[in-house]
């Protein structure tokens, strides 16, 4: 006997009329309520069979993932955590937080009588937290099965994290994911699946940056930098380390020996990018970790424009007074999204074939051709090439060979860098409001 299970408007699973007739014939034409009056033992086996068949069919009905659901799971495979608000802001599915919550609960295997159909096996799980103001909120994360689906959608295996984010960093994680959602929104709205995004966002797999710090002339100690996220843009060959600042660090150090925390982070990144992991081969810690030759930069993601101004002022002082070389800036969520989008390639709408404009034209036209980042790249290249030429000359002279003469263009390049440095300082002063 085959069963056909259908859902009514109240969300209950019911049998169609043909199945009811077959059941009545199988029980001598008597209705189940008549059998119940005779005693439950006669139908106990049948009712268990009906329940098992109905549950299996319900699972088959609820176990179908739509493409939107697959894209949502894939996005979670990239960012690790989402709130119910963020899928709404993505603009590709639910239009309200309430409906987004129903969808997330269904993917987590939950069920209600009317609104939520469970998916089995559960792809998501809920983590309950309280915000700093005491309000409860939930983060949604993937289960092991969810990571398997995300890996299939993204075309690469995803590592299942061993531990979840702690309560102290839950809102920190939400703010960081807001940047990813802002970057992904125009892409997702125009039909691009997460696997086709023109950037790579990593918060799980490749975020440990090992390096060694000198303790004294003879001893070193192992250190690790853990950025909150690493954003890679293959088309521009750029790598951005992102540090999310929630406004808890003071800008006034307690003593000359205790630097402001943001400046101390910059110094650690500078040691990682500029310090040698292999002195003989002249290979830095960054080059050993990333041999692709892409330049890197550091972005501090801050919540307000006032915080942005104060952080950039501290970063400017660190560059001028302490000589840090890694390109660094502080940006608000809106500013960081606009800055990163300018580095994205032109993409096409998967449905219409039209070009998707990812960055505002105003921002594109105001972007200088030669700015802070470009100056750092040129300056570092000249310094590195000078050091390499000096090392080559020394090796040749030690072996009794004639060393090459310096190129005549060196003096002009050094003068250009000096003038550019003066201009960069003037621009920083203008941005800080000192001019």
Protein backbone atom coordinates (compact mmCIF):
# COMPACT_ATOMS: atom_id res chain seq x y z
CA UNK A 1 0.00 0.00 0.00
CA UNK A 2 1.38 3.40 -0.97
CA UNK A 3 0.76 6.55 1.01
CA UNK A 4 0.48 10.05 -0.34
CA UNK A 5 1.18 12.78 2.22
CA UNK A 6 -0.02 16.32 1.63
CA UNK A 7 0.31 19.51 3.70
CA UNK A 8 -2.84 21.47 4.50
CA UNK A 9 -3.04 25.19 5.22
CA UNK A 10 -2.41 24.65 8.89
CA UNK A 11 0.86 22.88 8.15
CA UNK A 12 -0.35 19.43 9.24
CA UNK A 13 0.46 16.37 7.19
CA UNK A 14 -2.78 14.63 5.93
CA UNK A 15 -3.55 11.69 3.70
CA UNK A 16 -5.44 12.07 0.43
CA UNK A 17 -8.88 10.49 -0.16
CA UNK A 18 -7.59 7.55 -2.20
CA UNK A 19 -5.27 6.50 0.61
CA UNK A 20 -8.12 6.79 3.12
CA UNK A 21 -10.30 4.47 0.99
CA UNK A 22 -7.47 1.94 0.77
CA UNK A 23 -7.06 2.01 4.52
CA UNK A 24 -10.80 1.57 5.09
CA UNK A 25 -10.81 -1.41 2.70
CA UNK A 26 -7.84 -2.88 4.52
CA UNK A 27 -9.78 -2.65 7.79
CA UNK A 28 -12.99 -4.19 6.46
CA UNK A 29 -14.51 -0.89 5.37
CA UNK A 30 -14.55 0.39 8.96
CA UNK A 31 -13.27 3.87 9.83
CA UNK A 32 -10.33 4.27 12.22
CA UNK A 33 -12.64 5.69 14.91
CA UNK A 34 -14.73 2.48 14.76
CA UNK A 35 -11.57 0.41 15.16
CA UNK A 36 -10.53 2.59 18.09
CA UNK A 37 -13.80 1.83 19.88
CA UNK A 38 -13.05 -1.87 19.44
CA UNK A 39 -9.61 -1.47 20.96
CA UNK A 40 -6.35 0.09 19.99
CA UNK A 41 -4.45 -3.18 19.70
CA UNK A 42 -5.98 -3.92 16.31
CA UNK A 43 -4.59 -0.83 14.64
CA UNK A 44 -1.42 -0.24 16.61
CA UNK A 45 0.79 -1.76 13.94
CA UNK A 46 -1.03 0.05 11.13
CA UNK A 47 -0.85 3.46 12.84
CA UNK A 48 2.88 3.07 13.41
CA UNK A 49 3.30 2.23 9.73
CA UNK A 50 1.24 5.25 8.70
CA UNK A 51 3.31 7.54 10.97
CA UNK A 52 6.63 6.17 9.69
CA UNK A 53 5.60 6.52 6.06
CA UNK A 54 4.26 10.02 6.66
CA UNK A 55 7.44 11.10 8.44
CA UNK A 56 9.63 9.75 5.63
CA UNK A 57 7.60 11.54 2.96
CA UNK A 58 7.66 14.74 5.00
CA UNK A 59 11.43 14.50 5.17
CA UNK A 60 11.62 14.06 1.40
CA UNK A 61 9.42 17.10 0.87
CA UNK A 62 11.35 19.26 3.34
CA UNK A 63 14.75 18.00 2.18
CA UNK A 64 14.86 19.88 -1.11
CA UNK A 65 17.20 22.86 -1.15
CA UNK A 66 16.41 25.74 -3.44
CA UNK A 67 19.28 27.61 -5.07
CA UNK A 68 18.74 30.57 -2.76
CA UNK A 69 19.17 28.25 0.21
CA UNK A 70 22.33 26.80 -1.30
CA UNK A 71 23.74 30.30 -1.85
CA UNK A 72 22.92 31.20 1.75
CA UNK A 73 24.71 28.09 3.02
CA UNK A 74 27.67 28.88 0.74
CA UNK A 75 27.84 32.42 2.11
CA UNK A 76 27.90 31.02 5.63
CA UNK A 77 30.75 28.78 4.53
CA UNK A 78 32.65 31.97 3.71
CA UNK A 79 31.77 34.23 6.65
CA UNK A 80 31.10 31.56 9.34
CA UNK A 81 28.28 33.44 11.15
CA UNK A 82 25.16 35.37 10.12
CA UNK A 83 22.35 37.10 11.95
CA UNK A 84 18.76 37.07 10.67
CA UNK A 85 19.20 40.71 9.65
CA UNK A 86 22.10 40.09 7.27
CA UNK A 87 20.32 37.80 4.74
CA UNK A 88 17.65 40.50 4.49
CA UNK A 89 20.28 43.14 3.76
CA UNK A 90 21.76 40.85 1.12
CA UNK A 91 18.51 41.38 -0.78
CA UNK A 92 18.14 38.00 -2.49
CA UNK A 93 15.60 36.18 -0.35
CA UNK A 94 13.62 37.05 2.76
CA UNK A 95 12.44 40.64 3.02
CA UNK A 96 11.97 40.78 6.78
CA UNK A 97 13.96 39.48 9.75
CA UNK A 98 10.94 37.42 10.80
CA UNK A 99 10.75 35.53 7.52
CA UNK A 100 14.54 35.17 7.47
CA UNK A 101 14.37 33.64 10.95
CA UNK A 102 11.78 31.12 9.76
CA UNK A 103 14.05 30.14 6.87
CA UNK A 104 17.09 29.79 9.12
CA UNK A 105 15.12 27.72 11.66
CA UNK A 106 13.97 25.38 8.91
CA UNK A 107 17.52 24.85 7.68
CA UNK A 108 18.47 24.16 11.30
CA UNK A 109 16.00 21.26 11.43
CA UNK A 110 13.39 23.05 13.52
CA UNK A 111 9.68 22.86 12.78
CA UNK A 112 6.49 24.64 13.75
CA UNK A 113 2.87 23.71 13.08
CA UNK A 114 2.43 26.29 10.33
CA UNK A 115 5.47 28.33 9.30
CA UNK A 116 8.60 26.21 9.40
CA UNK A 117 9.33 22.94 7.63
CA UNK A 118 12.39 21.12 8.94
CA UNK A 119 15.34 20.18 6.78
CA UNK A 120 17.12 16.97 7.69
CA UNK A 121 19.95 16.62 8.24
CA UNK A 122 20.17 20.06 9.81
CA UNK A 123 22.54 22.38 7.94
CA UNK A 124 22.54 25.23 10.46
CA UNK A 125 22.64 25.67 14.20
CA UNK A 126 21.78 28.64 16.40
CA UNK A 127 24.09 30.26 18.95
CA UNK A 128 22.43 32.50 21.56
CA UNK A 129 24.20 35.63 22.87
CA UNK A 130 23.45 38.91 24.55
CA UNK A 131 24.61 42.23 23.14
CA UNK A 132 26.50 44.77 25.24
CA UNK A 133 23.20 46.55 25.91
CA UNK A 134 21.64 43.34 27.26
CA UNK A 135 19.46 42.56 24.25
CA UNK A 136 19.41 38.88 23.18
CA UNK A 137 20.41 37.96 19.65
CA UNK A 138 21.33 34.84 17.70
CA UNK A 139 24.15 33.93 15.40
CA UNK A 140 23.58 31.17 12.86
CA UNK A 141 26.43 28.84 11.96
CA UNK A 142 26.85 25.73 9.83
CA UNK A 143 26.82 22.16 11.06
CA UNK A 144 29.22 19.57 9.66
CA UNK A 145 26.59 18.70 7.04
CA UNK A 146 26.24 22.39 6.25
CA UNK A 147 29.97 22.72 5.62
CA UNK A 148 29.75 19.77 3.23
CA UNK A 149 27.02 21.56 1.25
CA UNK A 150 28.95 24.84 1.35
CA UNK A 151 32.07 23.12 0.04
CA UNK A 152 30.12 21.62 -2.86
CA UNK A 153 28.64 25.02 -3.74
CA UNK A 154 31.95 26.87 -3.48
CA UNK A 155 33.93 24.23 -5.31
CA UNK A 156 36.46 23.79 -2.51
CA UNK A 157 36.51 22.04 0.81
CA UNK A 158 35.70 24.14 3.86
CA UNK A 159 37.39 23.51 7.18
CA UNK A 160 35.00 22.99 10.09
CA UNK A 161 36.12 25.30 12.95
CA UNK A 162 37.01 23.54 16.17
CA UNK A 163 35.52 26.22 18.45
CA UNK A 164 32.81 28.85 18.16
CA UNK A 165 33.15 32.57 18.70
CA UNK A 166 32.97 33.62 22.34
CA UNK A 167 30.44 35.99 23.83
CA UNK A 168 33.00 38.81 24.04
CA UNK A 169 33.55 38.75 20.25
CA UNK A 170 30.03 37.98 19.00
CA UNK A 171 29.16 41.58 18.09
CA UNK A 172 32.69 41.96 16.73
CA UNK A 173 31.93 39.09 14.33
CA UNK A 174 28.61 40.65 13.31
CA UNK A 175 30.26 43.97 12.42
CA UNK A 176 32.93 42.20 10.39
CA UNK A 177 30.32 40.18 8.48
CA UNK A 178 28.44 43.42 7.73
CA UNK A 179 31.37 44.38 5.49
CA UNK A 180 31.19 41.08 3.60
CA UNK A 181 27.42 41.45 3.15
CA UNK A 182 27.91 45.02 1.86
CA UNK A 183 30.50 43.83 -0.65
CA UNK A 184 28.39 40.86 -1.76
CA UNK A 185 25.02 42.67 -2.05
CA UNK A 186 25.36 44.08 -5.62
CA UNK A 187 26.90 40.81 -6.79
CA UNK A 188 24.19 38.58 -5.31
CA UNK A 189 21.39 40.86 -6.55
CA UNK A 190 22.73 40.49 -10.09
CA UNK A 191 22.77 36.72 -10.05
CA UNK A 192 26.34 35.90 -9.03
CA UNK A 193 26.68 32.85 -6.80
CA UNK A 194 29.21 33.05 -3.94
CA UNK A 195 31.63 30.82 -5.83
CA UNK A 196 31.74 33.47 -8.63
CA UNK A 197 32.48 36.48 -6.40
CA UNK A 198 35.53 38.42 -7.68
CA UNK A 199 37.20 38.23 -4.28
CA UNK A 200 38.16 35.71 -1.60
CA UNK A 201 37.16 36.32 2.01
CA UNK A 202 38.81 34.18 4.65
CA UNK A 203 38.05 34.18 8.36
CA UNK A 204 38.73 30.50 9.09
CA UNK A 205 41.36 28.70 7.05
CA UNK A 206 44.37 30.91 6.37
CA UNK A 207 44.36 33.65 8.97
CA UNK A 208 47.38 32.70 11.07
CA UNK A 209 50.49 34.65 10.08
CA UNK A 210 53.57 33.19 11.85
CA UNK A 211 56.71 35.25 12.35
CA UNK A 212 59.69 35.51 14.69
CA UNK A 213 60.46 38.49 16.87
CA UNK A 214 63.94 39.38 18.09
CA UNK A 215 64.28 39.38 21.85
CA UNK A 216 67.95 40.35 21.85
CA UNK A 217 70.98 39.99 19.57
CA UNK A 218 70.99 36.19 19.87
CA UNK A 219 67.47 35.07 20.72
CA UNK A 220 64.12 35.13 18.94
CA UNK A 221 60.61 34.05 19.89
CA UNK A 222 57.79 32.74 17.75
CA UNK A 223 54.80 35.02 17.30
CA UNK A 224 51.52 34.76 15.37
CA UNK A 225 49.31 37.51 13.98
CA UNK A 226 45.64 36.65 13.55
CA UNK A 227 43.80 39.21 11.42
CA UNK A 228 40.03 39.22 11.70
CA UNK A 229 39.73 38.61 7.96
CA UNK A 230 41.89 38.38 4.85
CA UNK A 231 40.41 39.83 1.65
CA UNK A 232 42.11 38.79 -1.59
CA UNK A 233 41.26 40.33 -4.98
CA UNK A 234 42.89 38.24 -7.75
CA UNK A 235 42.09 40.69 -10.57
CA UNK A 236 43.96 43.50 -8.79
CA UNK A 237 46.50 41.17 -7.18
CA UNK A 238 45.90 42.81 -3.83
CA UNK A 239 45.68 41.36 -0.33
CA UNK A 240 44.03 43.27 2.50
CA UNK A 241 44.34 42.30 6.15
CA UNK A 242 41.28 43.52 8.03
CA UNK A 243 41.24 44.36 11.73
CA UNK A 244 37.83 45.13 13.20
CA UNK A 245 37.95 47.84 15.89
CA UNK A 246 34.89 48.20 18.13
CA UNK A 247 36.07 51.39 19.85
CA UNK A 248 37.34 49.79 23.06
CA UNK A 249 41.00 50.87 22.72
CA UNK A 250 42.22 54.19 24.10
CA UNK A 251 44.15 56.62 21.88
CA UNK A 252 46.18 58.01 24.78
CA UNK A 253 48.89 55.59 25.97
CA UNK A 254 49.25 55.22 29.71
CA UNK A 255 53.03 55.59 29.49
CA UNK A 256 55.74 55.98 26.82
CA UNK A 257 56.48 52.27 27.15
CA UNK A 258 52.84 51.24 26.61
CA UNK A 259 51.84 52.15 23.08
CA UNK A 260 48.30 52.63 21.90
CA UNK A 261 46.95 49.18 20.93
CA UNK A 262 46.22 50.06 17.28
CA UNK A 263 49.74 51.41 16.76
CA UNK A 264 51.18 48.29 18.38
CA UNK A 265 49.22 46.16 15.91
CA UNK A 266 50.65 48.16 13.02
CA UNK A 267 54.17 47.59 14.29
CA UNK A 268 53.58 43.84 14.48
CA UNK A 269 52.28 43.78 10.91
CA UNK A 270 55.25 45.89 9.83
CA UNK A 271 57.65 43.40 11.42
CA UNK A 272 55.80 40.55 9.71
CA UNK A 273 55.89 42.16 6.26
CA UNK A 274 59.40 43.65 6.45
CA UNK A 275 61.26 41.28 8.77
CA UNK A 276 63.27 38.43 7.26
CA UNK A 277 62.27 34.84 7.85
CA UNK A 278 65.39 33.77 5.93
CA UNK A 279 68.22 36.32 6.07
CA UNK A 280 70.39 34.52 3.53
CA UNK A 281 67.65 34.26 0.93
CA UNK A 282 66.33 37.73 1.84
CA UNK A 283 62.80 36.32 2.18
CA UNK A 284 60.38 38.04 4.55
CA UNK A 285 57.80 36.30 6.72
CA UNK A 286 55.09 37.62 4.40
CA UNK A 287 56.86 36.35 1.27
CA UNK A 288 57.27 32.90 2.81
CA UNK A 289 53.56 32.73 3.62
CA UNK A 290 52.43 34.31 0.33
CA UNK A 291 54.95 33.64 -2.46
CA UNK A 292 52.63 35.12 -5.13
CA UNK A 293 54.27 38.56 -4.86
CA UNK A 294 51.00 40.43 -4.25
CA UNK A 295 51.37 43.63 -2.21
CA UNK A 296 49.47 43.76 1.07
CA UNK A 297 47.88 46.47 3.17
CA UNK A 298 46.13 46.77 6.50
CA UNK A 299 42.64 48.22 7.02
CA UNK A 300 41.15 49.00 10.41
CA UNK A 301 37.36 48.76 10.22
CA UNK A 302 35.83 51.31 12.61
CA UNK A 303 32.24 52.20 13.48
CA UNK A 304 32.14 56.01 13.26
CA UNK A 305 33.72 58.78 11.21
CA UNK A 306 35.08 60.37 14.39
CA UNK A 307 36.84 57.11 15.23
CA UNK A 308 38.12 56.95 11.66
CA UNK A 309 39.71 60.41 11.95
CA UNK A 310 41.34 59.68 15.32
CA UNK A 311 42.67 56.30 14.17
CA UNK A 312 44.14 57.73 10.96
CA UNK A 313 45.79 60.47 12.99
CA UNK A 314 47.45 57.84 15.20
CA UNK A 315 48.51 55.85 12.11
CA UNK A 316 50.03 58.95 10.50
CA UNK A 317 52.04 59.63 13.65
CA UNK A 318 53.26 56.02 13.64
CA UNK A 319 54.46 56.35 10.05
CA UNK A 320 56.24 59.65 10.67
CA UNK A 321 57.71 58.90 14.10
CA UNK A 322 58.28 55.14 14.09
CA UNK A 323 58.89 54.58 10.37
CA UNK A 324 56.29 51.85 9.76
CA UNK A 325 56.18 50.81 6.10
CA UNK A 326 53.08 48.65 5.68
CA UNK A 327 50.26 50.67 4.00
CA UNK A 328 47.58 51.21 6.65
CA UNK A 329 44.33 53.15 6.95
CA UNK A 330 41.18 53.25 9.05
CA UNK A 331 37.80 53.19 7.28
CA UNK A 332 34.17 53.07 8.28
CA UNK A 333 31.93 50.30 6.96
CA UNK A 334 30.75 52.45 4.05
CA UNK A 335 34.24 53.73 3.27
CA UNK A 336 35.78 50.25 3.39
CA UNK A 337 33.12 48.87 1.04
CA UNK A 338 33.69 51.67 -1.49
CA UNK A 339 37.46 51.30 -1.27
CA UNK A 340 37.39 47.54 -1.83
CA UNK A 341 34.85 47.72 -4.67
CA UNK A 342 37.16 50.01 -6.62
CA UNK A 343 39.63 47.13 -6.72
CA UNK A 344 37.08 44.64 -8.10
CA UNK A 345 37.01 43.83 -11.82
CA UNK A 346 34.04 44.61 -14.02
CA UNK A 347 31.48 41.80 -13.75
CA UNK A 348 28.39 40.95 -15.77
CA UNK A 349 24.88 40.22 -14.63
CA UNK A 350 24.40 36.46 -15.03
CA UNK A 351 20.78 36.95 -16.14
CA UNK A 352 20.91 39.99 -18.44
CA UNK A 353 24.59 40.17 -19.41
CA UNK A 354 24.72 43.86 -18.43
CA UNK A 355 27.78 45.28 -16.71
CA UNK A 356 27.34 45.56 -12.93
CA UNK A 357 28.61 48.84 -11.52
CA UNK A 358 30.18 47.92 -8.20
CA UNK A 359 31.55 51.29 -7.15
CA UNK A 360 29.99 54.72 -7.35
CA UNK A 361 31.25 56.83 -10.25
CA UNK A 362 31.96 59.68 -7.85
CA UNK A 363 34.34 57.51 -5.87
CA UNK A 364 36.07 56.26 -9.01
CA UNK A 365 36.70 59.77 -10.36
CA UNK A 366 38.00 61.05 -7.01
CA UNK A 367 40.49 58.22 -6.56
CA UNK A 368 44.02 59.63 -7.11
CA UNK A 369 46.27 57.95 -9.62
CA UNK A 370 49.22 58.11 -7.23
CA UNK A 371 48.21 57.86 -3.60
CA UNK A 372 49.45 56.51 -0.30
CA UNK A 373 49.38 52.88 -1.37
CA UNK A 374 51.13 53.45 -4.70
CA UNK A 375 53.82 55.53 -2.98
CA UNK A 376 54.52 52.77 -0.49
CA UNK A 377 54.79 50.19 -3.27
CA UNK A 378 57.25 52.30 -5.29
CA UNK A 379 59.26 53.24 -2.21
CA UNK A 380 59.52 49.63 -1.01
CA UNK A 381 60.51 48.46 -4.49
CA UNK A 382 63.34 50.97 -4.71
CA UNK A 383 64.62 50.11 -1.23
CA UNK A 384 64.43 46.37 -1.88
CA UNK A 385 66.17 46.66 -5.25
CA UNK A 386 68.89 48.85 -3.75
CA UNK A 387 69.50 46.29 -1.00
CA UNK A 388 69.59 43.46 -3.56
CA UNK A 389 72.08 45.34 -5.77
CA UNK A 390 74.34 46.10 -2.81
CA UNK A 391 74.29 42.43 -1.79
CA UNK A 392 75.13 41.39 -5.36
CA UNK A 393 77.99 43.91 -5.55
CA UNK A 394 79.40 42.69 -2.26
CA UNK A 395 79.29 39.05 -3.41
CA UNK A 396 80.98 39.90 -6.69
CA UNK A 397 83.73 41.90 -5.01
CA UNK A 398 84.43 39.09 -2.51
CA UNK A 399 85.01 36.75 -5.44
CA UNK A 400 87.30 39.17 -7.23
CA UNK A 401 84.79 40.11 -9.90
CA UNK A 402 83.93 43.54 -11.20
CA UNK A 403 80.81 44.97 -9.62
CA UNK A 404 78.28 46.76 -11.86
CA UNK A 405 78.03 50.51 -11.61
CA UNK A 406 74.88 52.13 -10.25
CA UNK A 407 72.33 53.09 -12.94
CA UNK A 408 72.34 56.81 -13.78
CA UNK A 409 68.59 57.01 -13.10
CA UNK A 410 69.06 56.27 -9.39
CA UNK A 411 69.58 59.90 -8.41
CA UNK A 412 66.43 61.02 -10.24
CA UNK A 413 64.36 58.25 -8.64
CA UNK A 414 65.62 59.13 -5.14
CA UNK A 415 64.71 62.78 -5.75
CA UNK A 416 61.26 61.76 -6.96
CA UNK A 417 60.68 59.70 -3.84
CA UNK A 418 61.77 62.60 -1.65
CA UNK A 419 59.28 64.94 -3.33
CA UNK A 420 56.55 62.30 -3.17
CA UNK A 421 57.20 61.81 0.54
CA UNK A 422 56.73 65.54 1.13
CA UNK A 423 53.47 65.47 -0.83
CA UNK A 424 52.20 62.43 1.09
CA UNK A 425 52.84 64.25 4.38
CA UNK A 426 50.99 67.30 3.08
CA UNK A 427 47.99 65.14 2.09
CA UNK A 428 47.94 63.48 5.51
CA UNK A 429 47.94 66.88 7.19
CA UNK A 430 45.01 67.98 5.01
CA UNK A 431 43.06 64.82 5.82
CA UNK A 432 43.76 65.25 9.54
CA UNK A 433 42.52 68.84 9.39
CA UNK A 434 45.88 70.44 10.24
CA UNK A 435 45.96 72.49 7.02
